[in-house]
Amino acid sequence: MANVGLAAELKAYADANGEIVVGLAGAGQMGTDMVVQMMLMPGVRLGALSEVNMDAARAALALAGWSEGDIVKATTASDIDAAVESGKVALTEDYQALCGSGRVQVVIDATGNPNVGTLIALEAFRNGKHVVMLNVEADITIGRHLREEAAKAGVIYTGAAGDEPAATIEIMGFAQALGFDVVCAGKGKNNPLKFDATPDAYEDEARRRNMNARMLVEFVDGSKTMIEMVAVANATGLVPDVPGMHGPAATRDELAQVLCTKADGGVLSKAGCVDYSIGKGVAPGVFCIVKPRHPRVLERMTDLKVGPGPCYTIFRPYHLTSLEVPLSAIRTVLKGQPDMTPVDHPVAECVAVAKRDIEPGASLGKIGEYDYRGFAMTWAEARDAGALPLGLAERAKATRPIKAGEKLTYANCQPDDSMVVTQIRQRLDQADGRFVTSSLYSIGPKIDSDFR
């Protein structure tokens, strides 16, 4: 069978230049998937894996078929280069070694931690490496800064194929190329929605699904949906119609008649929105609601059984999450193009809302744990509320009592200013003229040179 499309391009590249060499940070559920997937893909290979949990990393490599003799423990970039040149895979605890390897062409971040992802991306840029950011939590917090730093370094910063944001943008591009007006874009919610979910109640399910309970709860409590839709918003200019979005129980067949404007019988106050559905048949797909502008096109869409009109659903019934991510790495090298990148200025924000009552002095945990969940708003609404971005909530300290259901704000929380992601976000907010009640103002412009 002949290779076609991207596979043919990849084969031609590999025949001329050798395999594309990928460095991966993180060997959790998603990282393990990618370790396995890259063993199955022609023209691309895993050169190095960075992970602090060596047992998890070795288990991922063994699952993919790497023999113990082909796994090299590396502490420096030159160790990694030597491993790649000998046809082996390097295993390191040091992301700086991973990013500094001359043989690694592109780095995928699958850590899920906003601050760690920021550090990895900046180090990769300093070493002239493309970055695929599966870490959407980092992207929604400071993605535009990372895009700018990548451009300065002459490399690509991109969101990850297979994750809902990039999959949504893929079908949006298809719809826009056909001249359709985009009314709404979004995803189906994959897990039952329970805003107050905590890990204790999901340990058994997480174990059955070979997941971390905290990660599972990040999906269940709605945080991941909010994060992903904010990422779509900030890559396209679409916005949440209302705080938290509508999230209707619209089925696959009902989407275009529900997530359309009120003038067309739906729930939206305007066109140009992001949203999600908990209705049957939508998850694990992504959608784009479009409205053709010519009666002949309306006639043809209805005749082709796309729907009754006047709005129609362009639907992709799947996203392959981590299994597709290596395609983004391939495209950065082959085409020098991102699959998804933030716009110049954000239009949406994912803020943190308390899951429980929080007392002053409490140090907050991670996304998907016990303290808070994500909540999507427009950027202007979040600014006016002084709301704390979700990506800055970990290790923040409550300075006032916070009730369950209340937003975390700069007035009731102090973000951890030792984290680079916090410092960068502070600088972005200052440049935007956003007032932040925070001791971070004392940092001043000296941080400017630290992120280059």
Protein backbone atom coordinates (compact mmCIF):
# COMPACT_ATOMS: atom_id res chain seq x y z
CA MET A 1 0.00 0.00 0.00
CA ALA A 2 1.33 3.42 -0.95
CA ASN A 3 1.74 6.10 1.70
CA VAL A 4 -0.47 9.12 1.15
CA GLY A 5 -0.80 12.62 2.57
CA LEU A 6 1.22 13.35 5.69
CA ALA A 7 2.53 9.78 5.80
CA ALA A 8 4.05 10.19 2.32
CA GLU A 9 5.65 13.51 3.33
CA LEU A 10 7.03 11.94 6.50
CA LYS A 11 8.51 9.00 4.59
CA ALA A 12 10.18 11.33 2.10
CA TYR A 13 11.64 13.37 4.93
CA ALA A 14 12.86 10.29 6.82
CA ASP A 15 14.42 8.81 3.67
CA ALA A 16 16.36 12.04 3.12
CA ASN A 17 17.15 13.10 6.69
CA GLY A 18 16.48 10.22 9.05
CA GLU A 19 13.69 9.91 11.57
CA ILE A 20 12.29 12.95 13.37
CA VAL A 21 13.57 12.77 16.95
CA VAL A 22 11.18 13.76 19.72
CA GLY A 23 11.88 14.56 23.35
CA LEU A 24 9.00 13.93 25.74
CA ALA A 25 8.49 15.39 29.21
CA GLY A 26 6.11 13.38 31.39
CA ALA A 27 5.29 9.67 31.65
CA GLY A 28 1.83 9.80 33.13
CA GLN A 29 -1.19 8.41 31.31
CA MET A 30 -0.81 10.67 28.28
CA GLY A 31 2.96 10.43 28.20
CA THR A 32 2.85 6.63 28.35
CA ASP A 33 0.42 6.60 25.44
CA MET A 34 2.85 8.66 23.37
CA VAL A 35 5.82 6.49 24.27
CA VAL A 36 3.89 3.50 22.90
CA GLN A 37 2.45 5.30 19.89
CA MET A 38 5.80 6.59 18.66
CA MET A 39 7.13 3.03 18.60
CA LEU A 40 4.41 2.23 16.08
CA MET A 41 4.85 5.25 13.80
CA PRO A 42 7.23 5.21 10.83
CA GLY A 43 9.55 8.18 10.37
CA VAL A 44 9.46 9.40 13.97
CA ARG A 45 11.12 8.14 17.14
CA LEU A 46 11.36 8.93 20.82
CA GLY A 47 14.88 10.10 21.55
CA ALA A 48 14.55 10.95 25.22
CA LEU A 49 12.04 10.80 28.04
CA SER A 50 12.23 13.20 30.99
CA GLU A 51 10.41 12.11 34.15
CA VAL A 52 11.03 12.48 37.89
CA ASN A 53 9.35 9.13 38.58
CA MET A 54 11.89 6.71 37.17
CA ASP A 55 9.73 3.65 37.84
CA ALA A 56 6.86 5.12 35.82
CA ALA A 57 9.20 6.10 33.01
CA ARG A 58 10.80 2.66 32.79
CA ALA A 59 7.37 1.02 32.86
CA ALA A 60 6.24 3.22 29.95
CA LEU A 61 9.31 2.37 27.89
CA ALA A 62 8.96 -1.35 28.65
CA LEU A 63 5.29 -1.26 27.68
CA ALA A 64 6.27 0.26 24.34
CA GLY A 65 8.74 -2.54 23.69
CA TRP A 66 12.04 -0.93 24.62
CA SER A 67 14.37 -3.54 26.12
CA GLU A 68 16.30 -2.73 29.29
CA GLY A 69 19.53 -2.81 27.28
CA ASP A 70 18.26 -0.11 24.95
CA ILE A 71 17.36 2.33 27.75
CA VAL A 72 20.22 4.65 28.71
CA LYS A 73 20.15 6.64 31.94
CA ALA A 74 21.25 10.15 30.97
CA THR A 75 22.28 13.11 33.09
CA THR A 76 23.54 15.47 30.38
CA ALA A 77 22.55 16.56 26.89
CA SER A 78 25.61 14.80 25.48
CA ASP A 79 24.48 11.56 27.14
CA ILE A 80 21.18 11.89 25.30
CA ASP A 81 22.91 12.61 21.99
CA ALA A 82 25.04 9.52 22.37
CA ALA A 83 22.00 7.37 23.15
CA VAL A 84 20.09 8.63 20.11
CA GLU A 85 23.09 8.17 17.83
CA SER A 86 23.39 4.55 18.97
CA GLY A 87 19.70 3.83 18.30
CA LYS A 88 18.73 3.78 21.97
CA VAL A 89 16.39 5.88 24.08
CA ALA A 90 17.60 8.17 26.85
CA LEU A 91 15.90 8.38 30.22
CA THR A 92 16.57 11.47 32.33
CA GLU A 93 15.27 13.28 35.37
CA ASP A 94 16.59 16.58 34.01
CA TYR A 95 14.37 18.43 31.55
CA GLN A 96 17.28 20.79 30.83
CA ALA A 97 19.32 17.89 29.49
CA LEU A 98 16.34 16.85 27.37
CA CYS A 99 15.93 20.33 25.93
CA GLY A 100 19.67 20.78 25.43
CA SER A 101 20.17 17.65 23.36
CA GLY A 102 21.37 18.45 19.88
CA ARG A 103 19.64 15.34 18.51
CA VAL A 104 16.17 16.20 19.84
CA GLN A 105 14.28 18.33 17.31
CA VAL A 106 10.99 18.92 19.08
CA VAL A 107 9.87 18.70 22.71
CA ILE A 108 6.40 17.57 23.81
CA ASP A 109 5.29 18.68 27.26
CA ALA A 110 2.84 16.24 28.86
CA THR A 111 3.37 17.18 32.51
CA GLY A 112 0.01 18.91 33.06
CA ASN A 113 1.63 21.33 35.51
CA PRO A 114 1.51 25.00 34.43
CA ASN A 115 4.78 26.02 36.06
CA VAL A 116 6.72 22.93 35.00
CA GLY A 117 5.38 23.25 31.46
CA THR A 118 6.48 26.87 31.36
CA LEU A 119 10.01 26.01 32.48
CA ILE A 120 10.28 23.23 29.91
CA ALA A 121 8.98 25.37 27.05
CA LEU A 122 11.32 28.27 27.80
CA GLU A 123 14.31 25.93 28.07
CA ALA A 124 13.37 24.28 24.78
CA PHE A 125 13.17 27.67 23.06
CA ARG A 126 16.56 28.66 24.45
CA ASN A 127 17.94 25.55 22.78
CA GLY A 128 16.21 26.10 19.45
CA LYS A 129 13.58 23.38 19.88
CA HIS A 130 9.97 23.39 18.71
CA VAL A 131 7.44 22.81 21.49
CA VAL A 132 4.18 20.87 21.40
CA MET A 133 2.18 21.93 24.45
CA LEU A 134 -0.20 19.18 25.52
CA ASN A 135 -0.20 21.04 28.83
CA VAL A 136 -3.29 23.17 28.13
CA GLU A 137 -3.17 24.50 31.69
CA ALA A 138 0.06 26.34 30.86
CA ASP A 139 -1.23 27.51 27.49
CA ILE A 140 -4.33 29.23 28.87
CA THR A 141 -2.22 30.99 31.51
CA ILE A 142 0.66 32.41 29.47
CA GLY A 143 0.32 30.92 25.98
CA ARG A 144 0.76 34.22 24.16
CA HIS A 145 4.08 34.79 25.96
CA LEU A 146 5.28 31.32 24.97
CA ARG A 147 4.24 31.95 21.37
CA GLU A 148 6.23 35.21 21.35
CA GLU A 149 9.30 33.57 22.87
CA ALA A 150 9.14 30.78 20.29
CA ALA A 151 8.97 33.34 17.49
CA LYS A 152 12.04 35.15 18.88
CA ALA A 153 13.89 31.83 18.89
CA GLY A 154 12.76 31.02 15.34
CA VAL A 155 10.87 27.89 16.39
CA ILE A 156 7.25 26.74 16.60
CA TYR A 157 4.98 26.74 19.63
CA THR A 158 1.79 24.74 19.13
CA GLY A 159 -1.10 23.14 20.90
CA ALA A 160 -1.39 19.38 20.52
CA ALA A 161 -3.28 17.47 17.86
CA GLY A 162 -5.81 15.02 19.26
CA ASP A 163 -6.71 17.16 22.24
CA GLU A 164 -10.17 18.72 21.91
CA PRO A 165 -8.94 22.32 21.34
CA ALA A 166 -6.82 21.49 18.28
CA ALA A 167 -9.45 19.04 17.00
CA THR A 168 -12.10 21.75 17.29
CA ILE A 169 -9.92 24.27 15.49
CA GLU A 170 -9.29 21.74 12.72
CA ILE A 171 -12.98 21.54 11.84
CA MET A 172 -13.40 25.30 12.33
CA GLY A 173 -10.74 25.84 9.68
CA PHE A 174 -12.62 23.50 7.36
CA ALA A 175 -15.86 25.44 7.92
CA GLN A 176 -14.23 28.86 7.48
CA ALA A 177 -12.50 27.73 4.28
CA LEU A 178 -15.96 26.93 2.88
CA GLY A 179 -17.14 30.42 3.76
CA PHE A 180 -19.53 29.39 6.55
CA ASP A 181 -20.21 31.75 9.41
CA VAL A 182 -19.15 30.09 12.67
CA VAL A 183 -21.87 30.42 15.29
CA CYS A 184 -20.38 28.22 18.01
CA ALA A 185 -17.63 25.65 18.49
CA GLY A 186 -16.98 23.19 21.25
CA LYS A 187 -16.96 19.64 22.55
CA GLY A 188 -18.98 16.96 24.22
CA LYS A 189 -18.34 16.48 27.92
CA ASN A 190 -16.72 13.06 28.26
CA ASN A 191 -17.43 12.22 31.91
CA PRO A 192 -20.49 12.79 34.12
CA LEU A 193 -20.37 16.38 35.38
CA LYS A 194 -20.01 16.80 39.15
CA PHE A 195 -18.68 20.22 40.15
CA ASP A 196 -17.72 19.22 43.70
CA ALA A 197 -15.91 15.99 42.77
CA THR A 198 -12.78 15.13 44.77
CA PRO A 199 -10.21 12.36 44.31
CA ASP A 200 -11.33 10.24 47.27
CA ALA A 201 -14.52 9.24 45.48
CA TYR A 202 -12.74 8.32 42.24
CA GLU A 203 -9.79 6.19 43.32
CA ASP A 204 -11.42 2.92 42.24
CA GLU A 205 -12.57 4.24 38.86
CA ALA A 206 -9.17 5.82 38.22
CA ARG A 207 -7.47 2.51 39.00
CA ARG A 208 -9.79 0.66 36.59
CA ARG A 209 -9.03 3.19 33.87
CA ASN A 210 -5.29 3.24 34.59
CA MET A 211 -5.49 6.93 35.47
CA ASN A 212 -4.41 9.21 38.27
CA ALA A 213 -7.47 10.05 40.42
CA ARG A 214 -6.59 13.75 40.43
CA MET A 215 -6.48 13.78 36.64
CA LEU A 216 -9.82 12.00 36.45
CA VAL A 217 -11.39 14.54 38.80
CA GLU A 218 -10.05 17.38 36.65
CA PHE A 219 -12.30 15.97 33.94
CA VAL A 220 -15.29 15.16 36.16
CA ASP A 221 -15.49 18.50 37.99
CA GLY A 222 -15.60 20.39 34.69
CA SER A 223 -12.17 21.99 35.01
CA LYS A 224 -10.76 20.33 31.89
CA THR A 225 -13.79 21.32 29.81
CA MET A 226 -13.46 24.93 30.95
CA ILE A 227 -9.70 24.90 30.30
CA GLU A 228 -10.13 23.45 26.82
CA MET A 229 -12.86 25.84 25.75
CA VAL A 230 -10.84 28.81 26.99
CA ALA A 231 -7.92 27.50 24.92
CA VAL A 232 -10.18 27.39 21.85
CA ALA A 233 -11.40 30.90 22.62
CA ASN A 234 -7.89 32.28 22.92
CA ALA A 235 -6.81 30.67 19.66
CA THR A 236 -9.84 31.85 17.65
CA GLY A 237 -11.48 34.90 19.23
CA LEU A 238 -14.68 33.01 20.07
CA VAL A 239 -15.91 33.73 23.62
CA PRO A 240 -18.02 32.12 26.37
CA ASP A 241 -21.54 33.49 25.93
CA VAL A 242 -22.18 33.45 29.70
CA PRO A 243 -19.88 32.75 32.66
CA GLY A 244 -19.41 28.99 32.89
CA MET A 245 -20.94 28.60 29.40
CA HIS A 246 -24.38 27.05 28.83
CA GLY A 247 -23.42 23.36 28.74
CA PRO A 248 -26.84 22.18 27.52
CA ALA A 249 -27.97 18.56 27.36
CA ALA A 250 -28.22 18.82 23.58
CA THR A 251 -27.85 15.53 21.72
CA ARG A 252 -25.74 15.15 18.60
CA ASP A 253 -28.82 15.79 16.44
CA GLU A 254 -29.94 18.78 18.51
CA LEU A 255 -26.68 20.71 18.71
CA ALA A 256 -27.30 23.08 15.80
CA GLN A 257 -30.77 23.97 17.04
CA VAL A 258 -29.64 24.61 20.63
CA LEU A 259 -26.17 26.14 20.42
CA CYS A 260 -27.27 28.80 17.97
CA THR A 261 -28.54 32.32 18.54
CA LYS A 262 -31.88 33.08 20.14
CA ALA A 263 -32.98 34.56 16.83
CA ASP A 264 -32.56 31.08 15.32
CA GLY A 265 -34.25 29.32 18.24
CA GLY A 266 -31.20 28.57 20.37
CA VAL A 267 -29.70 29.72 23.66
CA LEU A 268 -26.87 32.01 22.56
CA SER A 269 -27.15 35.77 22.86
CA LYS A 270 -24.83 36.19 19.88
CA ALA A 271 -22.84 34.27 17.33
CA GLY A 272 -19.15 33.57 17.84
CA CYS A 273 -19.13 31.52 21.04
CA VAL A 274 -17.48 28.49 22.62
CA ASP A 275 -19.55 26.00 24.60
CA TYR A 276 -19.98 22.33 25.42
CA SER A 277 -22.76 19.78 25.60
CA ILE A 278 -23.53 17.02 28.07
CA GLY A 279 -26.11 15.52 25.69
CA LYS A 280 -26.07 11.97 24.37
CA GLY A 281 -23.94 11.20 21.34
CA VAL A 282 -21.75 14.29 21.42
CA ALA A 283 -18.77 13.07 23.48
CA PRO A 284 -16.07 12.19 22.62
CA GLY A 285 -16.57 14.39 19.59
CA VAL A 286 -16.03 18.06 18.82
CA PHE A 287 -18.30 20.32 16.83
CA CYS A 288 -18.64 23.56 14.94
CA ILE A 289 -22.08 25.09 14.45
CA VAL A 290 -22.24 26.98 11.14
CA LYS A 291 -24.75 29.10 9.29
CA PRO A 292 -24.52 29.30 5.49
CA ARG A 293 -25.18 32.71 3.94
CA HIS A 294 -26.83 31.72 0.67
CA PRO A 295 -30.17 29.95 0.16
CA ARG A 296 -28.67 27.58 -2.40
CA VAL A 297 -26.13 26.37 0.16
CA LEU A 298 -28.87 26.04 2.79
CA GLU A 299 -30.83 23.93 0.34
CA ARG A 300 -27.87 21.69 -0.42
CA MET A 301 -26.91 21.21 3.27
CA THR A 302 -30.46 20.14 4.08
CA ASP A 303 -30.62 17.92 1.01
CA LEU A 304 -27.38 16.25 2.13
CA LYS A 305 -29.04 15.50 5.49
CA VAL A 306 -26.60 17.58 7.50
CA GLY A 307 -29.59 18.95 9.41
CA PRO A 308 -32.80 20.94 9.05
CA GLY A 309 -31.13 24.37 9.15
CA PRO A 310 -30.75 27.28 9.26
CA CYS A 311 -27.71 26.24 11.31
CA TYR A 312 -25.80 22.98 10.86
CA THR A 313 -23.32 20.92 12.83
CA ILE A 314 -19.91 20.11 11.41
CA PHE A 315 -18.95 17.20 13.62
CA ARG A 316 -15.87 15.13 14.30
CA PRO A 317 -17.04 12.12 16.33
CA TYR A 318 -13.71 11.37 17.98
CA HIS A 319 -10.47 12.82 19.25
CA LEU A 320 -7.58 10.47 19.82
CA THR A 321 -5.97 12.54 22.59
CA SER A 322 -2.36 11.53 23.20
CA LEU A 323 -2.26 9.12 20.26
CA GLU A 324 -2.46 12.03 17.81
CA VAL A 325 -0.03 14.35 19.60
CA PRO A 326 3.07 13.13 17.71
CA LEU A 327 1.44 14.44 14.51
CA SER A 328 1.87 17.97 15.84
CA ALA A 329 5.54 17.26 16.48
CA ILE A 330 5.88 15.97 12.92
CA ARG A 331 4.21 19.03 11.42
CA THR A 332 6.47 21.46 13.28
CA VAL A 333 9.47 19.83 11.61
CA LEU A 334 8.02 19.06 8.17
CA LYS A 335 5.94 22.18 7.64
CA GLY A 336 7.09 24.70 10.24
CA GLN A 337 3.44 25.18 11.14
CA PRO A 338 1.50 25.05 14.42
CA ASP A 339 -1.76 23.16 14.73
CA MET A 340 -3.00 25.71 17.24
CA THR A 341 -1.57 28.94 18.58
CA PRO A 342 -2.89 31.74 20.82
CA VAL A 343 -4.09 35.04 19.39
CA ASP A 344 -2.28 38.27 20.25
CA HIS A 345 -4.52 39.06 23.19
CA PRO A 346 -6.72 36.64 25.18
CA VAL A 347 -10.49 36.96 24.99
CA ALA A 348 -11.31 34.37 27.67
CA GLU A 349 -10.02 33.30 31.05
CA CYS A 350 -10.32 30.13 33.09
CA VAL A 351 -10.56 31.23 36.72
CA ALA A 352 -10.68 29.23 39.93
CA VAL A 353 -13.86 28.68 41.96
CA ALA A 354 -13.76 27.21 45.48
CA LYS A 355 -15.11 23.66 45.87
CA ARG A 356 -15.22 23.98 49.65
CA ASP A 357 -14.96 26.62 52.34
CA ILE A 358 -11.33 27.74 52.58
CA GLU A 359 -9.86 29.38 55.68
CA PRO A 360 -7.25 32.18 55.66
CA GLY A 361 -3.72 30.82 55.57
CA ALA A 362 -4.64 27.65 53.69
CA SER A 363 -2.20 26.67 50.95
CA LEU A 364 -4.11 25.43 47.91
CA GLY A 365 -3.54 22.12 46.17
CA LYS A 366 -3.53 21.14 42.51
CA ILE A 367 -6.20 21.31 39.84
CA GLY A 368 -8.47 18.26 40.25
CA GLU A 369 -7.98 17.99 44.00
CA TYR A 370 -10.10 19.36 46.87
CA ASP A 371 -9.90 23.14 46.85
CA TYR A 372 -11.08 24.60 43.55
CA ARG A 373 -12.26 23.93 40.00
CA GLY A 374 -12.03 25.76 36.69
CA PHE A 375 -14.65 28.23 35.49
CA ALA A 376 -14.68 29.92 32.05
CA MET A 377 -15.39 33.63 31.63
CA THR A 378 -14.56 36.32 29.14
CA TRP A 379 -11.22 37.96 29.75
CA ALA A 380 -12.91 41.29 30.51
CA GLU A 381 -15.27 39.73 33.07
CA ALA A 382 -12.40 37.99 34.82
CA ARG A 383 -10.36 41.20 34.86
CA ASP A 384 -13.24 43.20 36.31
CA ALA A 385 -13.76 40.58 39.03
CA GLY A 386 -10.04 40.49 39.91
CA ALA A 387 -10.34 36.73 39.44
CA LEU A 388 -7.32 34.47 39.92
CA PRO A 389 -6.38 32.51 36.78
CA LEU A 390 -6.71 28.77 37.32
CA GLY A 391 -3.08 28.23 36.32
CA LEU A 392 -1.91 30.31 39.29
CA ALA A 393 -4.07 28.64 41.96
CA GLU A 394 -1.69 25.82 42.89
CA ARG A 395 0.33 26.80 45.99
CA ALA A 396 -1.60 30.06 46.34
CA LYS A 397 -2.46 31.07 49.91
CA ALA A 398 -5.88 32.20 51.03
CA THR A 399 -5.72 35.63 52.66
CA ARG A 400 -9.42 35.84 53.54
CA PRO A 401 -12.21 33.34 54.16
CA ILE A 402 -13.52 31.92 50.87
CA LYS A 403 -16.91 30.24 50.66
CA ALA A 404 -17.64 27.21 48.49
CA GLY A 405 -18.79 28.48 45.08
CA GLU A 406 -16.94 31.78 45.46
CA LYS A 407 -14.29 32.82 42.95
CA LEU A 408 -10.67 32.91 44.01
CA THR A 409 -9.45 36.47 43.48
CA TYR A 410 -6.36 38.53 44.04
CA ALA A 411 -8.26 40.05 46.96
CA ASN A 412 -8.72 36.72 48.79
CA CYS A 413 -5.70 34.76 47.52
CA GLN A 414 -1.99 35.36 47.12
CA PRO A 415 -0.45 33.41 44.24
CA ASP A 416 2.96 31.84 44.72
CA ASP A 417 5.32 34.45 43.33
CA SER A 418 8.26 32.05 43.38
CA MET A 419 6.83 30.26 40.33
CA VAL A 420 7.98 31.50 36.94
CA VAL A 421 4.49 31.08 35.48
CA THR A 422 3.17 33.48 38.13
CA GLN A 423 5.86 36.04 37.40
CA ILE A 424 5.28 35.91 33.65
CA ARG A 425 1.52 36.20 34.05
CA GLN A 426 2.02 39.17 36.36
CA ARG A 427 4.11 40.89 33.72
CA LEU A 428 1.48 40.23 31.05
CA ASP A 429 -1.24 41.65 33.29
CA GLN A 430 0.82 44.75 34.02
CA ALA A 431 1.36 45.28 30.29
CA ASP A 432 -2.40 44.96 29.75
CA GLY A 433 -3.05 47.60 32.41
CA ARG A 434 -4.82 45.04 34.54
CA PHE A 435 -4.78 45.97 38.22
CA VAL A 436 -3.76 43.05 40.40
CA THR A 437 -3.86 43.38 44.18
CA SER A 438 -0.69 41.41 44.79
CA SER A 439 2.77 41.78 46.24
CA LEU A 440 4.04 40.77 42.80
CA TYR A 441 4.16 44.44 41.89
CA SER A 442 7.30 44.61 44.02
CA ILE A 443 9.09 42.29 41.56
CA GLY A 444 9.26 45.06 38.98
CA PRO A 445 10.96 44.93 35.59
CA LYS A 446 13.99 42.96 36.79
CA ILE A 447 12.19 39.72 35.90
CA ASP A 448 12.21 40.78 32.26
CA SER A 449 15.51 39.16 31.35
CA ASP A 450 14.80 35.92 33.20
CA PHE A 451 12.45 34.55 30.53
CA ARG A 452 14.54 34.92 27.40
